[in-house]
Amino acid sequence: MSERFETWGKTHRATPAAWAMPADEAEVADVVRRAAAAGQGVRVVGAGHSWSDCVVTDGVIVRLDRLDQLLQVDEQRGLATAQAGMRLRAFNAALHARGYAISIVGSIDQQSLGGLVATATHGSSLVHGNLSSFIVAMRIVTATGDVLVLDEGDPRLPAARVSLGALGVVTQLTLRVERAFQVAEVSTPVTFDAGVQALATMAGEHEWAKLWWLPHTDAALLVRARRSDGPATFSPRHRAIDERVVNAHVFKWLLALGSAVPALIPMLNRVVAAAYFTARTVVGRSDLVLSMAMPPVHRESEWAVPAEHAADVMRRLRAAIVAQGLRVNFIVEARYVKGDSNWMSPAYGRDTVQIGAYVGGSPDCDAYYAAIARIVAEHGGRPHWGKEAAFDAALIRRVLPMADAFAGLVREVDPDGVFRNPFVRRVIGE
C-alpha cells in the first residue's frame, strides 16, 4: 500500500496511487509522462506545511526533495536561481553565505520554495510583496513532459507566479535578492484598542510590521522592524530552545489542556499573554529575526482584505468571539502585503492585510472560521491558498479579477487535467 500523505496541520490526508522522488528535471518529465499515460493525476508536495487540500490526490504525489540546490547568484542583476525543492531555511543560509538575502520571508522557514510561491506565502510589509512577487523566471514541466521556460517578458509569468500547482511541476525559480542585511525588531505590548488604532499608520511607517492579539484578553503586541547596523543580539540557542522545548512541549501542553477543558482557555490565554507579550528588541540577520520558531501543530485560516479595512475586521472579529462565546486559544495576526499584478495572488491589484485566525484544538474552531469568513466577505476577502478556507469558483471569480483568465490558461496548458485535483477544480470551476 502507498504511503499516506498528511498536511502538517493534520487537516487533510490522502493515499496516492504512487509517490515519486525525481532527482532532476528529466526525471520529473518522465514521471509526468507516465502518470498522464496511465490516466493518473499528479500533484507536487514540498514540505507539506499547509492546512489546505492543495496537494490531495489519489494519483501520483511528486516530492522534489532531491531538487534542493542553490544554482546561481547573479551579483550584477541581484538574482538568485534555485531548485524548487529547496527549503527556505536552506535557501536563506546559502544566500547569506554568499552575502545576499531575500527582502521578505514567511513566519516559518521550513517550507519548500516551490510550495511557498505556489500558495503566495508572505511576510508582513507594504514595501515588499509576497514571495511570489520576487520571481523573475521559472521552469515548469507541463502535462506533456515538456519544459516551459518563463521570464519577465512572458505574459504567462504573472499567472505562473502563484500557480497552485495547476500549470505543471515548477522545477526552478529565479528570484530578486539584495545584499545581506540586519534588522532590529521591536516588540511593544499594547491594549487591543491601541494596537488596532496603530494599524492605520504602523505599516506605512515601518518596512516590516505586524500585530498580534490574543482573544479573551486585552493584550496585543505590535512588532515592527527596521534595518540596523547595530551589534547582533539574536541568539540561535534561544531560538532552538523556543522551537524544541517551549513550543514543542510547554505551549503544546497548554493547547492540549485548553482543548480538553475549553472553559480554561480564557485563563490560559492570560498566562500566555503575560509570558510572551513583553517588550523586547532583537537585532540580527534579517531572515532569522523576521521568521519565528516552529509552533506546535494547530489549525489556521487566513483571509486577505484591502489594507484600509484591517481595523474594522479586527474589531468585528473580537465582537463575534464575544457575542458567540467562541473559545479561541491562539493569536489573531494582522500582516501586510504590498499589492502586485500576479493573477491569483491574494494581493492582486491592492495593498492587503492578511488576517490570520489560528486555533489549537478548540471545539469552536469551525464556528470561529465561519465567523471570520462572513466578516471578510463584506470586504472582498480572498483566501490564503495554503490555509483553511471555504470557497468555490463563484467566490474566486468575484474577488480575483483574473480568475477566469487563469482558468483558461490552466485548460490550455493542461487540457486533460493531469494537474487538476478537487482543490484546483474548486478554484477554476470544474
Protein backbone atom coordinates (compact mmCIF):
# COMPACT_ATOMS: atom_id res chain seq x y z
CA MET A 1 0.00 0.00 0.00
CA SER A 2 1.22 3.51 -0.82
CA GLU A 3 2.42 5.79 1.94
CA ARG A 4 -0.30 8.12 3.21
CA PHE A 5 0.04 11.88 2.77
CA GLU A 6 -0.98 14.23 5.58
CA THR A 7 -0.68 18.01 5.75
CA TRP A 8 1.45 19.47 8.56
CA GLY A 9 -1.70 20.87 10.15
CA LYS A 10 -3.30 17.37 10.03
CA THR A 11 -6.32 18.85 8.26
CA HIS A 12 -6.18 16.72 5.07
CA ARG A 13 -4.99 13.23 4.21
CA ALA A 14 -4.69 11.14 1.07
CA THR A 15 -3.36 7.78 -0.03
CA PRO A 16 -1.97 8.32 -3.53
CA ALA A 17 -1.51 5.52 -6.01
CA ALA A 18 2.21 6.24 -6.00
CA TRP A 19 4.94 8.57 -4.78
CA ALA A 20 7.82 9.79 -6.92
CA MET A 21 11.06 11.49 -5.90
CA PRO A 22 12.84 12.51 -9.11
CA ALA A 23 16.49 13.53 -9.00
CA ASP A 24 16.41 16.06 -11.83
CA GLU A 25 14.13 17.79 -14.30
CA ALA A 26 14.36 14.97 -16.84
CA GLU A 27 13.11 12.51 -14.25
CA VAL A 28 10.27 14.90 -13.35
CA ALA A 29 9.24 14.93 -17.01
CA ASP A 30 9.34 11.13 -17.15
CA VAL A 31 7.15 10.83 -14.03
CA VAL A 32 4.59 13.21 -15.52
CA ARG A 33 4.50 11.45 -18.89
CA ARG A 34 4.00 8.03 -17.29
CA ALA A 35 1.27 9.30 -14.96
CA ALA A 36 -0.56 11.02 -17.82
CA ALA A 37 -0.36 7.88 -19.95
CA ALA A 38 -1.88 5.88 -17.08
CA GLY A 39 -4.67 8.41 -16.60
CA GLN A 40 -3.39 9.40 -13.17
CA GLY A 41 -3.35 12.89 -11.73
CA VAL A 42 -0.13 14.49 -10.49
CA ARG A 43 0.36 16.82 -7.53
CA VAL A 44 3.58 18.13 -6.04
CA VAL A 45 4.36 18.37 -2.34
CA GLY A 46 7.15 20.39 -0.79
CA ALA A 47 7.36 20.36 3.00
CA GLY A 48 3.61 19.76 3.30
CA HIS A 49 3.42 22.78 5.62
CA SER A 50 -0.19 23.55 4.75
CA TRP A 51 -3.74 23.42 6.01
CA SER A 52 -5.48 23.32 2.61
CA ASP A 53 -6.22 20.36 0.35
CA CYS A 54 -3.99 21.78 -2.39
CA VAL A 55 -1.89 18.59 -2.70
CA VAL A 56 -4.54 15.93 -2.06
CA THR A 57 -4.83 13.35 -4.86
CA ASP A 58 -5.40 9.65 -5.43
CA GLY A 59 -2.92 9.80 -8.32
CA VAL A 60 0.82 10.44 -8.05
CA ILE A 61 2.41 12.75 -5.48
CA VAL A 62 5.80 14.10 -6.51
CA ARG A 63 8.36 15.07 -3.89
CA LEU A 64 11.08 17.48 -5.03
CA ASP A 65 13.35 16.91 -2.04
CA ARG A 66 16.24 15.92 -4.33
CA LEU A 67 15.95 19.15 -6.31
CA ASP A 68 17.24 21.25 -3.44
CA GLN A 69 20.21 23.31 -4.63
CA LEU A 70 21.02 26.99 -4.98
CA LEU A 71 22.28 27.04 -8.57
CA GLN A 72 23.48 30.60 -9.10
CA VAL A 73 23.67 34.09 -7.64
CA ASP A 74 23.88 36.79 -10.30
CA GLU A 75 25.53 39.62 -8.39
CA GLN A 76 25.27 42.14 -11.22
CA ARG A 77 21.49 41.73 -11.54
CA GLY A 78 20.71 40.84 -7.94
CA LEU A 79 19.11 37.48 -8.80
CA ALA A 80 19.32 34.02 -7.29
CA THR A 81 18.34 30.80 -9.08
CA ALA A 82 17.39 27.74 -7.03
CA GLN A 83 15.66 24.42 -7.49
CA ALA A 84 12.05 24.34 -6.32
CA GLY A 85 12.54 21.63 -3.71
CA MET A 86 15.00 23.72 -1.70
CA ARG A 87 13.71 24.63 1.76
CA LEU A 88 13.50 28.32 2.57
CA ARG A 89 15.79 27.89 5.59
CA ALA A 90 18.49 26.32 3.40
CA PHE A 91 17.97 28.95 0.69
CA ASN A 92 18.40 31.76 3.23
CA ALA A 93 21.55 30.17 4.65
CA ALA A 94 23.04 29.64 1.20
CA LEU A 95 22.28 33.22 0.22
CA HIS A 96 23.81 34.52 3.44
CA ALA A 97 26.99 32.54 2.78
CA ARG A 98 27.29 34.49 -0.48
CA GLY A 99 26.47 37.85 1.14
CA TYR A 100 22.84 38.05 -0.03
CA ALA A 101 19.31 37.86 1.36
CA ILE A 102 15.74 37.98 0.15
CA SER A 103 13.80 41.01 1.39
CA ILE A 104 10.81 39.12 2.79
CA VAL A 105 10.39 35.75 4.45
CA GLY A 106 7.37 33.96 5.85
CA SER A 107 6.86 33.44 9.57
CA ILE A 108 8.13 29.87 9.16
CA ASP A 109 11.19 28.99 7.08
CA GLN A 110 10.85 25.23 6.68
CA GLN A 111 8.68 25.16 3.52
CA SER A 112 9.99 24.46 0.03
CA LEU A 113 10.45 27.32 -2.41
CA GLY A 114 8.03 25.74 -4.88
CA GLY A 115 5.33 25.36 -2.26
CA LEU A 116 5.84 28.87 -0.92
CA VAL A 117 5.30 30.58 -4.25
CA ALA A 118 2.51 28.26 -5.41
CA THR A 119 0.42 29.44 -2.45
CA ALA A 120 1.63 33.09 -2.28
CA THR A 121 3.25 32.79 1.13
CA HIS A 122 4.10 36.19 2.57
CA GLY A 123 5.72 38.13 5.38
CA SER A 124 4.44 41.48 6.60
CA SER A 125 5.40 44.61 4.68
CA LEU A 126 3.87 47.28 2.47
CA VAL A 127 7.31 47.83 0.96
CA HIS A 128 7.69 44.25 -0.26
CA GLY A 129 5.18 41.88 -1.80
CA ASN A 130 4.69 38.19 -1.10
CA LEU A 131 7.43 35.72 -2.02
CA SER A 132 5.81 35.02 -5.40
CA SER A 133 6.26 38.66 -6.39
CA PHE A 134 10.07 38.23 -6.28
CA ILE A 135 10.06 35.71 -9.14
CA VAL A 136 11.60 36.87 -12.42
CA ALA A 137 11.88 33.48 -14.17
CA MET A 138 10.62 29.90 -13.79
CA ARG A 139 10.96 26.46 -15.33
CA ILE A 140 7.82 24.28 -15.35
CA VAL A 141 7.38 20.70 -16.55
CA THR A 142 3.97 20.65 -18.25
CA ALA A 143 1.44 17.83 -18.65
CA THR A 144 3.16 16.63 -21.85
CA GLY A 145 6.53 16.37 -20.11
CA ASP A 146 7.85 19.40 -21.97
CA VAL A 147 9.64 22.22 -20.15
CA LEU A 148 8.02 25.64 -20.18
CA VAL A 149 10.56 28.43 -19.59
CA LEU A 150 9.07 31.72 -18.43
CA ASP A 151 10.90 35.01 -17.94
CA GLU A 152 9.83 38.58 -17.23
CA GLY A 153 8.88 39.17 -20.84
CA ASP A 154 6.45 36.27 -20.93
CA PRO A 155 2.79 37.31 -20.45
CA ARG A 156 2.12 34.00 -18.65
CA LEU A 157 4.57 34.71 -15.82
CA PRO A 158 2.04 36.71 -13.74
CA ALA A 159 -0.20 33.63 -13.81
CA ALA A 160 2.58 31.16 -13.04
CA ARG A 161 3.97 33.05 -10.04
CA VAL A 162 1.00 31.80 -7.98
CA SER A 163 0.24 28.63 -9.90
CA LEU A 164 -1.48 26.50 -7.22
CA GLY A 165 0.36 23.61 -8.88
CA ALA A 166 -2.19 23.75 -11.71
CA LEU A 167 0.15 24.56 -14.61
CA GLY A 168 2.72 21.83 -14.05
CA VAL A 169 5.69 20.95 -11.85
CA VAL A 170 7.80 24.00 -11.07
CA THR A 171 11.40 22.79 -11.02
CA GLN A 172 13.42 26.00 -10.89
CA LEU A 173 12.94 29.61 -9.77
CA THR A 174 14.89 32.83 -10.20
CA LEU A 175 14.13 35.47 -7.57
CA ARG A 176 15.21 39.03 -6.83
CA VAL A 177 17.64 39.27 -3.91
CA GLU A 178 19.68 42.02 -2.27
CA ARG A 179 22.87 42.36 -0.27
CA ALA A 180 22.63 40.71 3.15
CA PHE A 181 21.39 42.98 5.93
CA GLN A 182 20.45 43.03 9.59
CA VAL A 183 17.20 44.18 11.14
CA ALA A 184 16.23 45.42 14.58
CA GLU A 185 12.81 44.05 15.53
CA VAL A 186 10.98 45.90 18.30
CA SER A 187 8.01 44.28 20.07
CA THR A 188 5.74 46.51 22.14
CA PRO A 189 2.85 45.23 24.29
CA VAL A 190 -0.28 47.37 23.92
CA THR A 191 -4.01 47.08 24.52
CA PHE A 192 -6.26 45.73 21.80
CA ASP A 193 -7.70 49.19 21.05
CA ALA A 194 -4.26 50.81 20.89
CA GLY A 195 -2.98 48.07 18.61
CA VAL A 196 -5.92 48.31 16.24
CA GLN A 197 -5.65 52.10 16.21
CA ALA A 198 -1.98 51.78 15.25
CA LEU A 199 -2.86 49.65 12.22
CA ALA A 200 -3.80 52.77 10.27
CA THR A 201 -0.24 54.11 10.29
CA MET A 202 2.08 51.36 11.52
CA ALA A 203 2.68 49.56 8.23
CA GLY A 204 3.22 52.83 6.40
CA GLU A 205 5.94 53.91 8.83
CA HIS A 206 7.96 50.68 9.06
CA GLU A 207 9.45 48.42 6.41
CA TRP A 208 8.13 45.39 8.31
CA ALA A 209 5.24 45.48 10.78
CA LYS A 210 2.51 43.22 12.16
CA LEU A 211 0.03 42.96 15.03
CA TRP A 212 -0.80 40.01 17.27
CA TRP A 213 -3.85 39.83 19.52
CA LEU A 214 -4.73 37.05 21.95
CA PRO A 215 -8.53 36.54 22.25
CA HIS A 216 -10.17 36.65 25.70
CA THR A 217 -7.54 39.19 26.75
CA ASP A 218 -6.91 42.87 26.10
CA ALA A 219 -3.32 42.00 25.21
CA ALA A 220 -1.88 42.85 21.80
CA LEU A 221 1.68 43.03 20.53
CA LEU A 222 2.99 45.49 17.94
CA VAL A 223 6.00 44.09 16.10
CA ARG A 224 7.99 46.48 13.91
CA ALA A 225 11.36 46.07 12.23
CA ARG A 226 13.89 48.33 10.53
CA ARG A 227 17.32 47.85 9.03
CA SER A 228 20.14 48.10 11.56
CA ASP A 229 23.93 48.07 11.73
CA GLY A 230 23.90 47.60 15.50
CA PRO A 231 25.50 44.70 17.34
CA ALA A 232 23.62 41.43 16.89
CA THR A 233 21.62 40.16 19.86
CA PHE A 234 19.76 37.32 18.13
CA SER A 235 20.60 34.01 19.82
CA PRO A 236 20.43 30.79 17.78
CA ARG A 237 20.49 28.92 21.09
CA HIS A 238 17.40 30.75 22.35
CA ARG A 239 15.63 30.11 19.03
CA ALA A 240 16.39 26.41 19.35
CA ILE A 241 15.03 26.36 22.92
CA ASP A 242 11.87 28.15 21.77
CA GLU A 243 11.36 25.65 18.98
CA ARG A 244 12.40 22.38 20.63
CA VAL A 245 11.34 22.98 24.23
CA VAL A 246 8.91 25.86 24.69
CA ASN A 247 6.78 25.39 21.57
CA ALA A 248 7.26 21.65 21.16
CA HIS A 249 6.35 20.87 24.77
CA VAL A 250 5.18 23.74 27.01
CA PHE A 251 2.95 25.55 24.51
CA LYS A 252 1.77 22.24 23.07
CA TRP A 253 0.73 21.13 26.57
CA LEU A 254 -1.18 24.39 27.19
CA LEU A 255 -3.07 23.95 23.90
CA ALA A 256 -3.89 20.35 24.79
CA LEU A 257 -5.16 21.43 28.21
CA GLY A 258 -7.42 24.06 26.63
CA SER A 259 -8.69 21.51 24.12
CA ALA A 260 -9.53 19.04 26.89
CA VAL A 261 -11.11 21.68 29.17
CA PRO A 262 -12.28 24.57 26.93
CA ALA A 263 -13.53 26.56 29.94
CA LEU A 264 -9.87 27.08 30.88
CA ILE A 265 -8.98 28.80 27.57
CA PRO A 266 -9.50 32.43 28.72
CA MET A 267 -7.34 31.86 31.80
CA LEU A 268 -4.66 30.03 29.80
CA ASN A 269 -4.61 32.87 27.25
CA ARG A 270 -3.93 35.35 30.04
CA VAL A 271 -0.99 33.21 31.17
CA VAL A 272 0.39 33.05 27.64
CA ALA A 273 -0.04 36.82 27.16
CA ALA A 274 1.82 37.56 30.38
CA ALA A 275 4.70 35.31 29.33
CA TYR A 276 5.01 36.19 25.65
CA PHE A 277 3.57 39.67 25.08
CA THR A 278 6.54 41.54 26.50
CA ALA A 279 8.72 44.43 25.35
CA ARG A 280 11.89 43.34 23.62
CA THR A 281 14.30 44.31 20.85
CA VAL A 282 16.21 41.78 18.79
CA VAL A 283 18.93 42.64 16.28
CA GLY A 284 20.29 40.12 13.83
CA ARG A 285 20.40 38.56 10.39
CA SER A 286 17.24 39.55 8.53
CA ASP A 287 15.88 36.10 7.69
CA LEU A 288 16.39 34.83 11.25
CA VAL A 289 14.81 37.80 13.02
CA LEU A 290 11.87 38.12 10.61
CA SER A 291 10.97 34.43 10.97
CA MET A 292 9.95 32.61 14.14
CA ALA A 293 10.31 29.28 15.90
CA MET A 294 8.11 26.50 14.56
CA PRO A 295 4.92 26.40 16.68
CA PRO A 296 3.13 23.22 17.75
CA VAL A 297 0.60 21.70 15.34
CA HIS A 298 -2.57 23.79 15.16
CA ARG A 299 -5.16 24.96 12.64
CA GLU A 300 -5.01 28.13 10.54
CA SER A 301 -7.43 30.09 8.40
CA GLU A 302 -6.37 33.32 6.72
CA TRP A 303 -8.07 35.89 4.52
CA ALA A 304 -6.75 38.92 2.63
CA VAL A 305 -8.72 42.18 2.62
CA PRO A 306 -7.82 45.72 1.48
CA ALA A 307 -5.29 47.17 3.91
CA GLU A 308 -7.55 50.05 4.90
CA HIS A 309 -10.10 47.63 6.37
CA ALA A 310 -7.71 45.98 8.83
CA ALA A 311 -9.03 47.74 11.94
CA ASP A 312 -12.68 47.09 11.07
CA VAL A 313 -12.07 43.36 10.55
CA MET A 314 -10.15 43.04 13.81
CA ARG A 315 -12.83 44.86 15.82
CA ARG A 316 -15.65 42.85 14.30
CA LEU A 317 -13.81 39.59 14.84
CA ARG A 318 -13.38 40.39 18.53
CA ALA A 319 -17.09 41.26 18.75
CA ALA A 320 -18.04 37.95 17.09
CA ILE A 321 -15.89 35.97 19.52
CA VAL A 322 -17.62 37.65 22.46
CA ALA A 323 -21.15 37.52 21.02
CA GLN A 324 -20.93 33.84 20.04
CA GLY A 325 -18.97 32.76 23.09
CA LEU A 326 -16.24 31.29 20.88
CA ARG A 327 -13.29 29.80 22.74
CA VAL A 328 -10.12 30.70 20.83
CA ASN A 329 -6.76 29.62 22.23
CA PHE A 330 -4.32 31.05 19.68
CA ILE A 331 -3.42 34.51 18.40
CA VAL A 332 -5.12 36.54 15.69
CA GLU A 333 -2.49 38.06 13.42
CA ALA A 334 -2.64 41.03 11.05
CA ARG A 335 0.15 41.10 8.44
CA TYR A 336 0.60 43.35 5.42
CA VAL A 337 1.43 42.57 1.79
CA LYS A 338 2.21 45.07 -0.93
CA GLY A 339 -0.11 44.87 -3.94
CA ASP A 340 1.07 43.05 -7.05
CA SER A 341 -0.03 42.05 -10.56
CA ASN A 342 0.05 38.27 -10.17
CA TRP A 343 -3.27 36.82 -11.24
CA MET A 344 -4.06 34.52 -8.31
CA SER A 345 -2.23 36.44 -5.61
CA PRO A 346 -4.42 37.49 -2.66
CA ALA A 347 -2.67 40.87 -3.02
CA TYR A 348 -3.56 41.26 -6.70
CA GLY A 349 -4.17 44.92 -7.51
CA ARG A 350 -4.24 46.21 -3.93
CA ASP A 351 -2.22 46.61 -0.77
CA THR A 352 -3.54 43.95 1.55
CA VAL A 353 -3.85 42.99 5.17
CA GLN A 354 -3.89 39.26 5.75
CA ILE A 355 -5.88 38.35 8.86
CA GLY A 356 -4.76 35.02 10.28
CA ALA A 357 -7.12 33.20 12.65
CA TYR A 358 -5.38 30.33 14.41
CA VAL A 359 -6.70 27.65 16.76
CA GLY A 360 -5.06 24.88 18.78
CA GLY A 361 -7.77 22.30 19.35
CA SER A 362 -10.79 24.36 20.39
CA PRO A 363 -14.20 22.73 19.79
CA ASP A 364 -15.37 26.10 18.44
CA CYS A 365 -12.88 26.18 15.56
CA ASP A 366 -15.38 25.62 12.75
CA ALA A 367 -17.80 28.25 14.09
CA TYR A 368 -14.88 30.65 14.51
CA TYR A 369 -13.73 30.16 10.93
CA ALA A 370 -17.28 30.61 9.67
CA ALA A 371 -17.47 33.90 11.57
CA ILE A 372 -14.30 35.33 10.05
CA ALA A 373 -15.40 34.22 6.58
CA ARG A 374 -18.64 36.19 6.99
CA ILE A 375 -16.78 39.28 8.17
CA VAL A 376 -14.17 39.36 5.42
CA ALA A 377 -16.79 38.64 2.74
CA GLU A 378 -18.05 42.21 3.18
CA HIS A 379 -14.60 43.47 2.17
CA GLY A 380 -13.99 41.16 -0.78
CA GLY A 381 -11.90 38.73 1.27
CA ARG A 382 -9.55 36.46 -0.66
CA PRO A 383 -8.40 33.11 0.77
CA HIS A 384 -4.82 32.24 1.55
CA TRP A 385 -4.28 29.19 -0.66
CA GLY A 386 -2.29 27.28 1.94
CA LYS A 387 -4.74 27.72 4.81
CA GLU A 388 -8.26 26.51 5.67
CA ALA A 389 -10.92 28.43 3.77
CA ALA A 390 -14.37 27.64 2.41
CA PHE A 391 -14.65 28.89 -1.18
CA ASP A 392 -15.93 27.96 -4.61
CA ALA A 393 -15.24 29.21 -8.11
CA ALA A 394 -18.05 31.77 -7.93
CA LEU A 395 -16.45 33.43 -4.91
CA ILE A 396 -13.00 33.33 -6.51
CA ARG A 397 -14.33 34.99 -9.67
CA ARG A 398 -15.92 37.74 -7.58
CA VAL A 399 -12.79 38.60 -5.61
CA LEU A 400 -9.98 37.94 -8.12
CA PRO A 401 -10.38 39.79 -11.43
CA MET A 402 -8.01 37.46 -13.31
CA ALA A 403 -9.58 34.20 -12.12
CA ASP A 404 -11.27 33.45 -15.45
CA ALA A 405 -8.05 34.16 -17.35
CA PHE A 406 -6.18 31.82 -15.01
CA ALA A 407 -8.79 29.09 -15.52
CA GLY A 408 -8.43 29.50 -19.28
CA LEU A 409 -4.66 29.19 -19.10
CA VAL A 410 -4.92 26.06 -16.92
CA ARG A 411 -7.17 24.41 -19.51
CA GLU A 412 -4.89 25.48 -22.34
CA VAL A 413 -1.67 24.21 -20.74
CA ASP A 414 -3.22 21.08 -19.23
CA PRO A 415 -6.26 20.17 -21.38
CA ASP A 416 -6.51 16.63 -19.96
CA GLY A 417 -6.43 17.75 -16.33
CA VAL A 418 -3.27 15.94 -15.28
CA PHE A 419 -2.59 18.51 -12.55
CA ARG A 420 -6.20 19.10 -11.54
CA ASN A 421 -7.39 17.75 -8.20
CA PRO A 422 -10.54 18.75 -6.27
CA PHE A 423 -8.79 21.86 -4.93
CA VAL A 424 -7.88 23.15 -8.40
CA ARG A 425 -11.31 22.29 -9.78
CA ARG A 426 -12.90 24.25 -6.95
CA VAL A 427 -10.77 27.26 -7.89
CA ILE A 428 -11.35 27.22 -11.65
CA GLY A 429 -14.92 25.94 -11.66
CA GLU A 430 -14.86 22.34 -12.84
